[in-house]
Amino acid sequence: MTEQQIKTRWIDIKRTFKARPLLVYIVGIPFEKWYDYMRTTPPVEEVNRVYDAIRADRTLKTARIKAELQNIVGYRESKVYAKKTGVSDTTIRDIIEDKKTTAGYDVIDRLEVFVSAVNPDFELSVENTLSKERLIKDEFEELINEIRQVSNALMRDAFELSDVGRNMRENLNYREEIIPPSHGLSYSIERLVKVKESVDVLYEIYIKRGG
């Protein structure tokens, strides 16, 4: 690797440490060298050692999750369970089938929280900063934002329907094609159905089940 590639790798590693501070101890960085490591790039051998240690940690955690998922998720159920984890069904399937043996920490964190919600005996990694409460808060904020967007869309639909009823004429798009008056409503209904499904799934797994 070039000197610039080593520097870039170390910058990425420091971002990982910032998100998961306890990982510093897991990969064995000496306390007395930590301050220097944060100011300058360590020797190439040390950068690569830490990089490999982090990758090994991710591989170990992925294998641990895989063992749990195999008891919970079937191949055909991966799409359903993806909604419950916030992780794509492809990623879940690849982990189960050993096609992905080293997942990213963002995936690991979410899957650990999901598994722990289903199996209370499963403990989160000590440096996992994601909790069931934080996951729910983040997911609900996205869903609330979606509801607000749909609400705004429904207000626009109401004005357009009023215009159609008042003028007794059809609306046209930019290609001069007729737009059915209920077109916007149908799209909003589809969005709300998806929101409802997500709310039900999150409640069932993370709130109701956990008490």
N, C-alpha and C. Protein backbone atom coordinates (compact mmCIF):
# COMPACT_ATOMS: atom_id res chain seq x y z
N MET A 1 0.83 -1.20 0.00
CA MET A 1 0.00 0.00 0.00
C MET A 1 0.87 1.26 0.00
N THR A 2 0.36 2.30 -0.63
CA THR A 2 1.09 3.57 -0.66
C THR A 2 0.94 4.27 0.69
N GLU A 3 1.77 5.28 0.91
CA GLU A 3 1.71 6.03 2.15
C GLU A 3 0.35 6.69 2.32
N GLN A 4 -0.20 7.21 1.21
CA GLN A 4 -1.51 7.85 1.28
C GLN A 4 -2.61 6.85 1.62
N GLN A 5 -2.51 5.64 1.08
CA GLN A 5 -3.50 4.61 1.37
C GLN A 5 -3.45 4.21 2.85
N ILE A 6 -2.25 4.16 3.40
CA ILE A 6 -2.10 3.84 4.83
C ILE A 6 -2.73 4.93 5.68
N LYS A 7 -2.48 6.18 5.31
CA LYS A 7 -3.07 7.31 6.05
C LYS A 7 -4.60 7.28 5.98
N THR A 8 -5.11 6.99 4.79
CA THR A 8 -6.57 6.91 4.61
C THR A 8 -7.15 5.77 5.44
N ARG A 9 -6.45 4.64 5.46
CA ARG A 9 -6.90 3.50 6.27
C ARG A 9 -6.95 3.87 7.74
N TRP A 10 -5.94 4.61 8.21
CA TRP A 10 -5.92 4.99 9.63
C TRP A 10 -7.02 5.99 9.96
N ILE A 11 -7.30 6.87 9.04
CA ILE A 11 -8.39 7.83 9.25
C ILE A 11 -9.71 7.08 9.40
N ASP A 12 -9.92 6.07 8.56
CA ASP A 12 -11.13 5.25 8.66
C ASP A 12 -11.19 4.50 9.99
N ILE A 13 -10.04 4.00 10.43
CA ILE A 13 -9.97 3.29 11.70
C ILE A 13 -10.33 4.22 12.86
N LYS A 14 -9.81 5.44 12.82
CA LYS A 14 -10.11 6.40 13.89
C LYS A 14 -11.60 6.74 13.92
N ARG A 15 -12.24 6.80 12.74
CA ARG A 15 -13.70 7.03 12.71
C ARG A 15 -14.43 5.88 13.40
N THR A 16 -13.95 4.68 13.15
CA THR A 16 -14.55 3.50 13.79
C THR A 16 -14.38 3.56 15.30
N PHE A 17 -13.20 3.96 15.76
CA PHE A 17 -12.95 4.08 17.20
C PHE A 17 -13.83 5.16 17.82
N LYS A 18 -14.05 6.24 17.08
CA LYS A 18 -14.88 7.33 17.60
C LYS A 18 -16.32 6.85 17.83
N ALA A 19 -16.80 6.00 16.93
CA ALA A 19 -18.16 5.47 17.05
C ALA A 19 -18.24 4.35 18.09
N ARG A 20 -17.12 3.64 18.30
CA ARG A 20 -17.09 2.49 19.22
C ARG A 20 -15.82 2.57 20.08
N PRO A 21 -15.79 3.49 21.05
CA PRO A 21 -14.57 3.73 21.84
C PRO A 21 -13.96 2.48 22.49
N LEU A 22 -14.81 1.57 22.97
CA LEU A 22 -14.28 0.39 23.65
C LEU A 22 -13.53 -0.55 22.72
N LEU A 23 -13.71 -0.34 21.42
CA LEU A 23 -13.01 -1.17 20.45
C LEU A 23 -11.49 -0.96 20.54
N VAL A 24 -11.10 0.19 21.03
CA VAL A 24 -9.67 0.49 21.21
C VAL A 24 -9.02 -0.57 22.09
N TYR A 25 -9.70 -0.96 23.15
CA TYR A 25 -9.15 -1.96 24.07
C TYR A 25 -9.25 -3.36 23.49
N ILE A 26 -10.30 -3.61 22.74
CA ILE A 26 -10.50 -4.93 22.17
C ILE A 26 -9.39 -5.28 21.18
N VAL A 27 -8.95 -4.29 20.41
CA VAL A 27 -7.91 -4.56 19.40
C VAL A 27 -6.50 -4.37 19.98
N GLY A 28 -6.42 -4.06 21.26
CA GLY A 28 -5.13 -4.05 21.94
C GLY A 28 -4.21 -2.88 21.66
N ILE A 29 -4.76 -1.68 21.56
CA ILE A 29 -3.91 -0.50 21.40
C ILE A 29 -3.41 -0.07 22.78
N PRO A 30 -2.10 0.02 22.98
CA PRO A 30 -1.54 0.40 24.29
C PRO A 30 -2.00 1.79 24.70
N PHE A 31 -2.41 1.93 25.94
CA PHE A 31 -2.92 3.21 26.42
C PHE A 31 -1.88 4.33 26.26
N GLU A 32 -0.63 4.01 26.53
CA GLU A 32 0.41 5.03 26.49
C GLU A 32 0.71 5.53 25.07
N LYS A 33 0.25 4.77 24.07
CA LYS A 33 0.49 5.19 22.69
C LYS A 33 -0.73 5.85 22.05
N TRP A 34 -1.84 5.80 22.75
CA TRP A 34 -3.10 6.26 22.17
C TRP A 34 -3.05 7.72 21.74
N TYR A 35 -2.50 8.58 22.57
CA TYR A 35 -2.47 10.02 22.25
C TYR A 35 -1.67 10.27 20.98
N ASP A 36 -0.52 9.61 20.86
CA ASP A 36 0.30 9.77 19.66
C ASP A 36 -0.42 9.22 18.43
N TYR A 37 -1.11 8.12 18.62
CA TYR A 37 -1.84 7.51 17.49
C TYR A 37 -2.93 8.43 16.96
N MET A 38 -3.51 9.23 17.83
CA MET A 38 -4.58 10.12 17.41
C MET A 38 -4.04 11.37 16.70
N ARG A 39 -2.79 11.69 16.95
CA ARG A 39 -2.19 12.86 16.30
C ARG A 39 -1.46 12.52 15.02
N THR A 40 -0.85 11.35 14.98
CA THR A 40 -0.08 10.95 13.81
C THR A 40 -0.46 9.53 13.39
N THR A 41 -0.01 9.15 12.22
CA THR A 41 -0.28 7.80 11.73
C THR A 41 0.78 6.85 12.28
N PRO A 42 0.37 5.77 12.91
CA PRO A 42 1.34 4.79 13.45
C PRO A 42 2.14 4.13 12.33
N PRO A 43 3.13 3.35 12.68
CA PRO A 43 3.88 2.60 11.66
C PRO A 43 2.94 1.72 10.83
N VAL A 44 3.36 1.45 9.60
CA VAL A 44 2.54 0.66 8.68
C VAL A 44 2.12 -0.67 9.31
N GLU A 45 3.06 -1.34 9.97
CA GLU A 45 2.77 -2.64 10.56
C GLU A 45 1.66 -2.55 11.60
N GLU A 46 1.68 -1.44 12.38
CA GLU A 46 0.66 -1.27 13.41
C GLU A 46 -0.70 -0.94 12.80
N VAL A 47 -0.72 -0.12 11.78
CA VAL A 47 -1.97 0.20 11.09
C VAL A 47 -2.60 -1.07 10.55
N ASN A 48 -1.80 -1.90 9.91
CA ASN A 48 -2.32 -3.14 9.33
C ASN A 48 -2.73 -4.13 10.42
N ARG A 49 -1.99 -4.15 11.53
CA ARG A 49 -2.37 -5.04 12.63
C ARG A 49 -3.73 -4.67 13.19
N VAL A 50 -3.92 -3.37 13.43
CA VAL A 50 -5.20 -2.89 13.97
C VAL A 50 -6.32 -3.14 12.97
N TYR A 51 -6.04 -2.89 11.69
CA TYR A 51 -7.04 -3.12 10.64
C TYR A 51 -7.48 -4.59 10.64
N ASP A 52 -6.50 -5.50 10.70
CA ASP A 52 -6.80 -6.93 10.70
C ASP A 52 -7.55 -7.34 11.96
N ALA A 53 -7.19 -6.72 13.09
CA ALA A 53 -7.87 -7.04 14.36
C ALA A 53 -9.33 -6.61 14.31
N ILE A 54 -9.59 -5.45 13.74
CA ILE A 54 -10.96 -4.97 13.60
C ILE A 54 -11.75 -5.89 12.67
N ARG A 55 -11.14 -6.27 11.58
CA ARG A 55 -11.81 -7.17 10.63
C ARG A 55 -12.12 -8.52 11.29
N ALA A 56 -11.16 -9.01 12.08
CA ALA A 56 -11.37 -10.28 12.78
C ALA A 56 -12.51 -10.16 13.78
N ASP A 57 -12.60 -9.01 14.44
CA ASP A 57 -13.68 -8.77 15.40
C ASP A 57 -15.03 -8.76 14.69
N ARG A 58 -15.09 -8.10 13.54
CA ARG A 58 -16.33 -8.07 12.75
C ARG A 58 -16.72 -9.47 12.29
N THR A 59 -15.72 -10.26 11.88
CA THR A 59 -15.99 -11.63 11.42
C THR A 59 -16.54 -12.49 12.56
N LEU A 60 -15.94 -12.34 13.75
CA LEU A 60 -16.39 -13.10 14.91
C LEU A 60 -17.81 -12.73 15.29
N LYS A 61 -18.11 -11.44 15.28
CA LYS A 61 -19.46 -10.98 15.63
C LYS A 61 -20.48 -11.41 14.59
N THR A 62 -20.08 -11.41 13.31
CA THR A 62 -20.99 -11.84 12.24
C THR A 62 -21.33 -13.31 12.40
N ALA A 63 -20.33 -14.13 12.74
CA ALA A 63 -20.56 -15.57 12.94
C ALA A 63 -21.50 -15.80 14.12
N ARG A 64 -21.32 -15.01 15.16
CA ARG A 64 -22.19 -15.12 16.34
C ARG A 64 -23.63 -14.79 15.98
N ILE A 65 -23.81 -13.76 15.18
CA ILE A 65 -25.15 -13.37 14.74
C ILE A 65 -25.74 -14.43 13.82
N LYS A 66 -24.92 -14.96 12.93
CA LYS A 66 -25.39 -15.97 11.98
C LYS A 66 -25.98 -17.17 12.73
N ALA A 67 -25.29 -17.61 13.78
CA ALA A 67 -25.76 -18.76 14.55
C ALA A 67 -27.15 -18.50 15.13
N GLU A 68 -27.41 -17.26 15.56
CA GLU A 68 -28.71 -16.91 16.10
C GLU A 68 -29.76 -16.78 15.00
N LEU A 69 -29.38 -16.13 13.90
CA LEU A 69 -30.34 -15.91 12.81
C LEU A 69 -30.81 -17.23 12.22
N GLN A 70 -29.94 -18.22 12.17
CA GLN A 70 -30.33 -19.51 11.60
C GLN A 70 -31.45 -20.16 12.40
N ASN A 71 -31.56 -19.79 13.68
CA ASN A 71 -32.64 -20.33 14.51
C ASN A 71 -33.91 -19.49 14.44
N ILE A 72 -33.79 -18.30 13.84
CA ILE A 72 -34.91 -17.37 13.80
C ILE A 72 -35.47 -17.19 12.41
N VAL A 73 -34.58 -17.03 11.44
CA VAL A 73 -34.97 -16.61 10.10
C VAL A 73 -34.72 -17.71 9.09
N GLY A 74 -35.74 -18.03 8.32
CA GLY A 74 -35.59 -18.95 7.21
C GLY A 74 -35.30 -18.19 5.93
N TYR A 75 -34.83 -18.90 4.92
CA TYR A 75 -34.49 -18.27 3.64
C TYR A 75 -35.66 -17.47 3.08
N ARG A 76 -36.84 -18.07 3.11
CA ARG A 76 -38.01 -17.41 2.53
C ARG A 76 -38.54 -16.30 3.43
N GLU A 77 -38.11 -16.30 4.69
CA GLU A 77 -38.59 -15.28 5.62
C GLU A 77 -37.70 -14.05 5.66
N SER A 78 -36.61 -14.07 4.92
CA SER A 78 -35.62 -12.99 5.04
C SER A 78 -36.21 -11.62 4.73
N LYS A 79 -37.10 -11.55 3.75
CA LYS A 79 -37.72 -10.26 3.41
C LYS A 79 -38.58 -9.75 4.56
N VAL A 80 -39.31 -10.66 5.19
CA VAL A 80 -40.16 -10.27 6.31
C VAL A 80 -39.32 -9.78 7.48
N TYR A 81 -38.28 -10.51 7.80
CA TYR A 81 -37.46 -10.14 8.95
C TYR A 81 -36.59 -8.93 8.69
N ALA A 82 -36.32 -8.64 7.42
CA ALA A 82 -35.55 -7.45 7.09
C ALA A 82 -36.25 -6.21 7.61
N LYS A 83 -37.58 -6.20 7.55
CA LYS A 83 -38.36 -5.07 8.04
C LYS A 83 -38.21 -4.91 9.55
N LYS A 84 -37.92 -6.00 10.23
CA LYS A 84 -37.82 -5.96 11.68
C LYS A 84 -36.43 -5.57 12.16
N THR A 85 -35.46 -5.62 11.26
CA THR A 85 -34.08 -5.35 11.66
C THR A 85 -33.54 -4.03 11.12
N GLY A 86 -34.12 -3.53 10.03
CA GLY A 86 -33.56 -2.35 9.40
C GLY A 86 -32.38 -2.69 8.52
N VAL A 87 -32.18 -3.99 8.28
CA VAL A 87 -31.10 -4.48 7.42
C VAL A 87 -31.74 -5.14 6.20
N SER A 88 -31.14 -5.00 5.04
CA SER A 88 -31.74 -5.54 3.82
C SER A 88 -31.85 -7.06 3.88
N ASP A 89 -32.87 -7.59 3.22
CA ASP A 89 -33.08 -9.04 3.20
C ASP A 89 -31.91 -9.75 2.52
N THR A 90 -31.28 -9.08 1.54
CA THR A 90 -30.14 -9.67 0.85
C THR A 90 -28.98 -9.87 1.82
N THR A 91 -28.72 -8.87 2.66
CA THR A 91 -27.64 -8.98 3.63
C THR A 91 -27.93 -10.08 4.64
N ILE A 92 -29.16 -10.16 5.12
CA ILE A 92 -29.53 -11.20 6.07
C ILE A 92 -29.34 -12.58 5.45
N ARG A 93 -29.81 -12.71 4.22
CA ARG A 93 -29.69 -14.01 3.52
C ARG A 93 -28.23 -14.38 3.30
N ASP A 94 -27.41 -13.38 2.94
CA ASP A 94 -25.99 -13.65 2.69
C ASP A 94 -25.27 -14.07 3.97
N ILE A 95 -25.66 -13.49 5.11
CA ILE A 95 -25.05 -13.88 6.38
C ILE A 95 -25.45 -15.31 6.73
N ILE A 96 -26.73 -15.63 6.58
CA ILE A 96 -27.20 -16.98 6.89
C ILE A 96 -26.52 -18.02 6.02
N GLU A 97 -26.31 -17.69 4.74
CA GLU A 97 -25.73 -18.64 3.78
C GLU A 97 -24.21 -18.58 3.72
N ASP A 98 -23.60 -17.81 4.61
CA ASP A 98 -22.14 -17.68 4.67
C ASP A 98 -21.53 -16.99 3.46
N LYS A 99 -22.35 -16.26 2.72
CA LYS A 99 -21.81 -15.48 1.61
C LYS A 99 -21.19 -14.18 2.12
N LYS A 100 -21.67 -13.71 3.26
CA LYS A 100 -21.10 -12.53 3.91
C LYS A 100 -20.65 -12.96 5.29
N THR A 101 -19.34 -13.11 5.45
CA THR A 101 -18.80 -13.57 6.73
C THR A 101 -18.30 -12.42 7.59
N THR A 102 -18.20 -11.22 7.01
CA THR A 102 -17.71 -10.07 7.75
C THR A 102 -18.59 -8.87 7.47
N ALA A 103 -19.61 -8.68 8.29
CA ALA A 103 -20.53 -7.56 8.10
C ALA A 103 -19.95 -6.28 8.69
N GLY A 104 -20.49 -5.14 8.27
CA GLY A 104 -20.07 -3.87 8.83
C GLY A 104 -20.67 -3.69 10.21
N TYR A 105 -20.07 -2.82 11.01
CA TYR A 105 -20.55 -2.62 12.37
C TYR A 105 -21.97 -2.07 12.42
N ASP A 106 -22.37 -1.27 11.41
CA ASP A 106 -23.74 -0.76 11.41
C ASP A 106 -24.74 -1.89 11.30
N VAL A 107 -24.42 -2.88 10.46
CA VAL A 107 -25.28 -4.06 10.31
C VAL A 107 -25.23 -4.91 11.57
N ILE A 108 -24.03 -5.12 12.10
CA ILE A 108 -23.86 -5.92 13.31
C ILE A 108 -24.67 -5.33 14.46
N ASP A 109 -24.58 -4.02 14.65
CA ASP A 109 -25.30 -3.38 15.75
C ASP A 109 -26.80 -3.62 15.65
N ARG A 110 -27.36 -3.41 14.46
CA ARG A 110 -28.81 -3.56 14.28
C ARG A 110 -29.24 -5.01 14.48
N LEU A 111 -28.47 -5.94 13.94
CA LEU A 111 -28.85 -7.35 14.06
C LEU A 111 -28.70 -7.84 15.50
N GLU A 112 -27.70 -7.33 16.21
CA GLU A 112 -27.56 -7.71 17.62
C GLU A 112 -28.77 -7.23 18.43
N VAL A 113 -29.21 -6.02 18.18
CA VAL A 113 -30.38 -5.50 18.90
C VAL A 113 -31.61 -6.33 18.57
N PHE A 114 -31.77 -6.68 17.30
CA PHE A 114 -32.91 -7.50 16.89
C PHE A 114 -32.88 -8.87 17.57
N VAL A 115 -31.72 -9.53 17.50
CA VAL A 115 -31.59 -10.87 18.09
C VAL A 115 -31.85 -10.81 19.60
N SER A 116 -31.33 -9.78 20.27
CA SER A 116 -31.53 -9.67 21.72
C SER A 116 -32.99 -9.42 22.08
N ALA A 117 -33.73 -8.77 21.16
CA ALA A 117 -35.16 -8.55 21.40
C ALA A 117 -35.93 -9.85 21.29
N VAL A 118 -35.48 -10.72 20.37
CA VAL A 118 -36.14 -12.02 20.19
C VAL A 118 -35.67 -13.02 21.24
N ASN A 119 -34.38 -12.99 21.53
CA ASN A 119 -33.80 -13.92 22.49
C ASN A 119 -33.13 -13.13 23.62
N PRO A 120 -33.81 -12.95 24.75
CA PRO A 120 -33.28 -12.14 25.86
C PRO A 120 -31.95 -12.66 26.40
N ASP A 121 -31.62 -13.92 26.14
CA ASP A 121 -30.36 -14.48 26.63
C ASP A 121 -29.17 -14.04 25.79
N PHE A 122 -29.44 -13.48 24.62
CA PHE A 122 -28.36 -13.00 23.75
C PHE A 122 -27.91 -11.62 24.21
N GLU A 123 -26.64 -11.48 24.52
CA GLU A 123 -26.11 -10.22 25.01
C GLU A 123 -25.49 -9.41 23.88
N LEU A 124 -25.73 -8.10 23.92
CA LEU A 124 -25.11 -7.22 22.94
C LEU A 124 -23.61 -7.16 23.18
N SER A 125 -22.86 -6.90 22.11
CA SER A 125 -21.43 -6.68 22.27
C SER A 125 -21.23 -5.49 23.20
N VAL A 126 -20.19 -5.56 24.00
CA VAL A 126 -19.99 -4.54 25.02
C VAL A 126 -19.82 -3.14 24.42
N GLU A 127 -19.31 -3.06 23.20
CA GLU A 127 -19.08 -1.73 22.59
C GLU A 127 -20.19 -1.33 21.63
N ASN A 128 -21.25 -2.12 21.57
CA ASN A 128 -22.39 -1.76 20.73
C ASN A 128 -23.12 -0.58 21.36
N THR A 129 -23.11 0.56 20.66
CA THR A 129 -23.71 1.77 21.21
C THR A 129 -25.20 1.89 20.87
N LEU A 130 -25.70 0.96 20.07
CA LEU A 130 -27.11 0.99 19.69
C LEU A 130 -27.93 0.21 20.71
N SER A 131 -29.04 0.78 21.11
CA SER A 131 -29.94 0.10 22.04
C SER A 131 -31.31 -0.04 21.40
N LYS A 132 -32.15 -0.86 22.02
CA LYS A 132 -33.51 -1.02 21.52
C LYS A 132 -34.25 0.31 21.53
N GLU A 133 -34.03 1.09 22.59
CA GLU A 133 -34.70 2.38 22.72
C GLU A 133 -34.24 3.36 21.64
N ARG A 134 -32.94 3.39 21.40
CA ARG A 134 -32.42 4.31 20.38
C ARG A 134 -32.87 3.89 18.99
N LEU A 135 -32.86 2.58 18.73
CA LEU A 135 -33.30 2.09 17.43
C LEU A 135 -34.74 2.49 17.16
N ILE A 136 -35.60 2.27 18.17
CA ILE A 136 -37.01 2.61 18.03
C ILE A 136 -37.18 4.11 17.82
N LYS A 137 -36.44 4.91 18.57
CA LYS A 137 -36.52 6.37 18.44
C LYS A 137 -36.16 6.80 17.02
N ASP A 138 -35.06 6.26 16.49
CA ASP A 138 -34.62 6.63 15.14
C ASP A 138 -35.63 6.18 14.08
N GLU A 139 -36.12 4.94 14.23
CA GLU A 139 -37.06 4.40 13.25
C GLU A 139 -38.38 5.18 13.29
N PHE A 140 -38.86 5.47 14.49
CA PHE A 140 -40.12 6.20 14.61
C PHE A 140 -40.01 7.62 14.07
N GLU A 141 -38.85 8.24 14.25
CA GLU A 141 -38.67 9.58 13.71
C GLU A 141 -38.79 9.58 12.19
N GLU A 142 -38.22 8.56 11.55
CA GLU A 142 -38.35 8.44 10.10
C GLU A 142 -39.79 8.22 9.68
N LEU A 143 -40.50 7.37 10.42
CA LEU A 143 -41.90 7.09 10.10
C LEU A 143 -42.78 8.31 10.34
N ILE A 144 -42.50 9.05 11.40
CA ILE A 144 -43.26 10.27 11.68
C ILE A 144 -43.04 11.28 10.56
N ASN A 145 -41.81 11.38 10.08
CA ASN A 145 -41.51 12.29 8.97
C ASN A 145 -42.27 11.87 7.71
N GLU A 146 -42.36 10.57 7.49
CA GLU A 146 -43.10 10.06 6.33
C GLU A 146 -44.58 10.41 6.46
N ILE A 147 -45.13 10.27 7.66
CA ILE A 147 -46.54 10.60 7.89
C ILE A 147 -46.79 12.08 7.61
N ARG A 148 -45.87 12.94 8.03
CA ARG A 148 -46.02 14.38 7.79
C ARG A 148 -45.99 14.68 6.29
N GLN A 149 -45.10 13.99 5.57
CA GLN A 149 -45.03 14.20 4.12
C GLN A 149 -46.33 13.76 3.45
N VAL A 150 -46.87 12.64 3.90
CA VAL A 150 -48.15 12.17 3.34
C VAL A 150 -49.26 13.16 3.68
N SER A 151 -49.22 13.69 4.89
CA SER A 151 -50.22 14.68 5.29
C SER A 151 -50.19 15.89 4.37
N ASN A 152 -48.99 16.37 4.06
CA ASN A 152 -48.86 17.50 3.14
C ASN A 152 -49.38 17.15 1.75
N ALA A 153 -49.09 15.92 1.33
CA ALA A 153 -49.57 15.48 0.01
C ALA A 153 -51.10 15.41 -0.02
N LEU A 154 -51.69 14.96 1.09
CA LEU A 154 -53.15 14.89 1.15
C LEU A 154 -53.78 16.28 1.12
N MET A 155 -53.12 17.24 1.72
CA MET A 155 -53.63 18.62 1.66
C MET A 155 -53.62 19.13 0.22
N ARG A 156 -52.53 18.80 -0.52
CA ARG A 156 -52.48 19.21 -1.93
C ARG A 156 -53.57 18.51 -2.72
N ASP A 157 -53.80 17.22 -2.41
CA ASP A 157 -54.86 16.47 -3.10
C ASP A 157 -56.22 17.10 -2.83
N ALA A 158 -56.42 17.56 -1.60
CA ALA A 158 -57.70 18.18 -1.25
C ALA A 158 -57.95 19.43 -2.08
N PHE A 159 -56.93 20.25 -2.25
CA PHE A 159 -57.06 21.47 -3.07
C PHE A 159 -57.33 21.11 -4.53
N GLU A 160 -56.64 20.08 -5.02
CA GLU A 160 -56.82 19.67 -6.42
C GLU A 160 -58.23 19.12 -6.64
N LEU A 161 -58.73 18.33 -5.67
CA LEU A 161 -60.08 17.79 -5.79
C LEU A 161 -61.11 18.92 -5.77
N SER A 162 -60.85 19.90 -4.94
CA SER A 162 -61.74 21.06 -4.89
C SER A 162 -61.76 21.77 -6.23
N ASP A 163 -60.59 21.86 -6.86
CA ASP A 163 -60.49 22.52 -8.16
C ASP A 163 -61.24 21.74 -9.23
N VAL A 164 -61.11 20.40 -9.19
CA VAL A 164 -61.82 19.54 -10.16
C VAL A 164 -63.32 19.69 -10.00
N GLY A 165 -63.78 19.66 -8.74
CA GLY A 165 -65.22 19.77 -8.49
C GLY A 165 -65.77 21.13 -8.85
N ARG A 166 -64.97 22.17 -8.64
CA ARG A 166 -65.44 23.53 -8.92
C ARG A 166 -65.48 23.82 -10.42
N ASN A 167 -64.43 23.37 -11.12
CA ASN A 167 -64.32 23.68 -12.55
C ASN A 167 -64.88 22.61 -13.46
N MET A 168 -65.22 21.46 -12.86
CA MET A 168 -65.80 20.35 -13.64
C MET A 168 -64.94 20.01 -14.86
N ARG A 169 -63.61 19.89 -14.60
CA ARG A 169 -62.72 19.48 -15.70
C ARG A 169 -61.58 18.65 -15.13
N GLU A 170 -61.00 17.84 -16.03
CA GLU A 170 -59.94 16.93 -15.61
C GLU A 170 -58.60 17.65 -15.52
N ASN A 171 -57.75 17.14 -14.62
CA ASN A 171 -56.39 17.65 -14.55
C ASN A 171 -55.50 16.92 -15.53
N LEU A 172 -54.53 17.63 -16.07
CA LEU A 172 -53.59 17.04 -17.03
C LEU A 172 -52.17 17.19 -16.49
N ASN A 173 -51.30 16.21 -16.84
CA ASN A 173 -49.90 16.35 -16.47
C ASN A 173 -49.15 17.10 -17.56
N TYR A 174 -47.82 17.19 -17.43
CA TYR A 174 -47.05 17.99 -18.38
C TYR A 174 -47.06 17.41 -19.79
N ARG A 175 -47.45 16.13 -19.91
CA ARG A 175 -47.55 15.51 -21.25
C ARG A 175 -48.99 15.55 -21.78
N GLU A 176 -49.80 16.36 -21.12
CA GLU A 176 -51.20 16.51 -21.51
C GLU A 176 -52.00 15.23 -21.34
N GLU A 177 -51.56 14.38 -20.41
CA GLU A 177 -52.29 13.15 -20.12
C GLU A 177 -53.24 13.39 -18.94
N ILE A 178 -54.39 12.73 -18.99
CA ILE A 178 -55.38 12.90 -17.93
C ILE A 178 -54.91 12.24 -16.64
N ILE A 179 -55.02 12.97 -15.54
CA ILE A 179 -54.67 12.44 -14.22
C ILE A 179 -55.97 12.16 -13.46
N PRO A 180 -56.27 10.90 -13.14
CA PRO A 180 -57.49 10.61 -12.38
C PRO A 180 -57.47 11.37 -11.05
N PRO A 181 -58.58 11.90 -10.61
CA PRO A 181 -58.63 12.68 -9.36
C PRO A 181 -58.13 11.91 -8.14
N SER A 182 -58.25 10.58 -8.18
CA SER A 182 -57.86 9.77 -7.02
C SER A 182 -56.41 9.29 -7.08
N HIS A 183 -55.69 9.72 -8.11
CA HIS A 183 -54.31 9.24 -8.28
C HIS A 183 -53.44 9.55 -7.06
N GLY A 184 -53.47 10.78 -6.62
CA GLY A 184 -52.68 11.17 -5.46
C GLY A 184 -53.09 10.45 -4.20
N LEU A 185 -54.39 10.23 -4.05
CA LEU A 185 -54.90 9.53 -2.88
C LEU A 185 -54.40 8.08 -2.84
N SER A 186 -54.39 7.44 -4.01
CA SER A 186 -53.93 6.05 -4.08
C SER A 186 -52.48 5.95 -3.64
N TYR A 187 -51.66 6.90 -4.10
CA TYR A 187 -50.24 6.88 -3.74
C TYR A 187 -50.05 7.12 -2.24
N SER A 188 -50.83 8.04 -1.68
CA SER A 188 -50.74 8.32 -0.25
C SER A 188 -51.18 7.12 0.58
N ILE A 189 -52.21 6.42 0.11
CA ILE A 189 -52.68 5.22 0.81
C ILE A 189 -51.59 4.16 0.82
N GLU A 190 -50.90 3.97 -0.32
CA GLU A 190 -49.82 2.99 -0.40
C GLU A 190 -48.71 3.33 0.60
N ARG A 191 -48.37 4.61 0.69
CA ARG A 191 -47.32 5.03 1.62
C ARG A 191 -47.74 4.79 3.07
N LEU A 192 -49.01 5.09 3.37
CA LEU A 192 -49.48 4.91 4.74
C LEU A 192 -49.57 3.43 5.12
N VAL A 193 -49.91 2.58 4.16
CA VAL A 193 -49.95 1.14 4.42
C VAL A 193 -48.55 0.64 4.81
N LYS A 194 -47.53 1.14 4.10
CA LYS A 194 -46.16 0.74 4.42
C LYS A 194 -45.74 1.25 5.79
N VAL A 195 -46.17 2.48 6.11
CA VAL A 195 -45.86 3.04 7.42
C VAL A 195 -46.52 2.19 8.51
N LYS A 196 -47.79 1.84 8.30
CA LYS A 196 -48.51 1.03 9.28
C LYS A 196 -47.81 -0.32 9.49
N GLU A 197 -47.40 -0.95 8.39
CA GLU A 197 -46.72 -2.24 8.49
C GLU A 197 -45.44 -2.11 9.30
N SER A 198 -44.69 -1.03 9.07
CA SER A 198 -43.44 -0.82 9.80
C SER A 198 -43.70 -0.58 11.28
N VAL A 199 -44.72 0.22 11.58
CA VAL A 199 -45.06 0.49 12.98
C VAL A 199 -45.46 -0.80 13.68
N ASP A 200 -46.29 -1.61 13.02
CA ASP A 200 -46.75 -2.86 13.62
C ASP A 200 -45.58 -3.80 13.90
N VAL A 201 -44.65 -3.88 12.94
CA VAL A 201 -43.49 -4.77 13.09
C VAL A 201 -42.60 -4.31 14.24
N LEU A 202 -42.30 -3.02 14.28
CA LEU A 202 -41.45 -2.49 15.34
C LEU A 202 -42.09 -2.67 16.71
N TYR A 203 -43.38 -2.43 16.78
CA TYR A 203 -44.09 -2.61 18.06
C TYR A 203 -44.06 -4.06 18.51
N GLU A 204 -44.34 -4.96 17.56
CA GLU A 204 -44.44 -6.39 17.89
C GLU A 204 -43.09 -6.93 18.41
N ILE A 205 -42.01 -6.53 17.77
CA ILE A 205 -40.70 -7.09 18.12
C ILE A 205 -40.03 -6.36 19.28
N TYR A 206 -40.01 -5.04 19.21
CA TYR A 206 -39.19 -4.29 20.14
C TYR A 206 -39.92 -3.71 21.36
N ILE A 207 -41.23 -3.57 21.26
CA ILE A 207 -41.97 -2.96 22.36
C ILE A 207 -42.86 -4.01 23.07
N LYS A 208 -43.78 -4.59 22.34
CA LYS A 208 -44.70 -5.56 22.94
C LYS A 208 -43.96 -6.77 23.51
N ARG A 209 -43.05 -7.34 22.70
CA ARG A 209 -42.34 -8.54 23.13
C ARG A 209 -41.45 -8.25 24.34
N GLY A 210 -40.84 -7.05 24.32
CA GLY A 210 -39.93 -6.73 25.40
C GLY A 210 -40.63 -6.21 26.64
N GLY A 211 -41.91 -5.95 26.49
CA GLY A 211 -42.64 -5.43 27.64
C GLY A 211 -42.35 -3.96 27.83
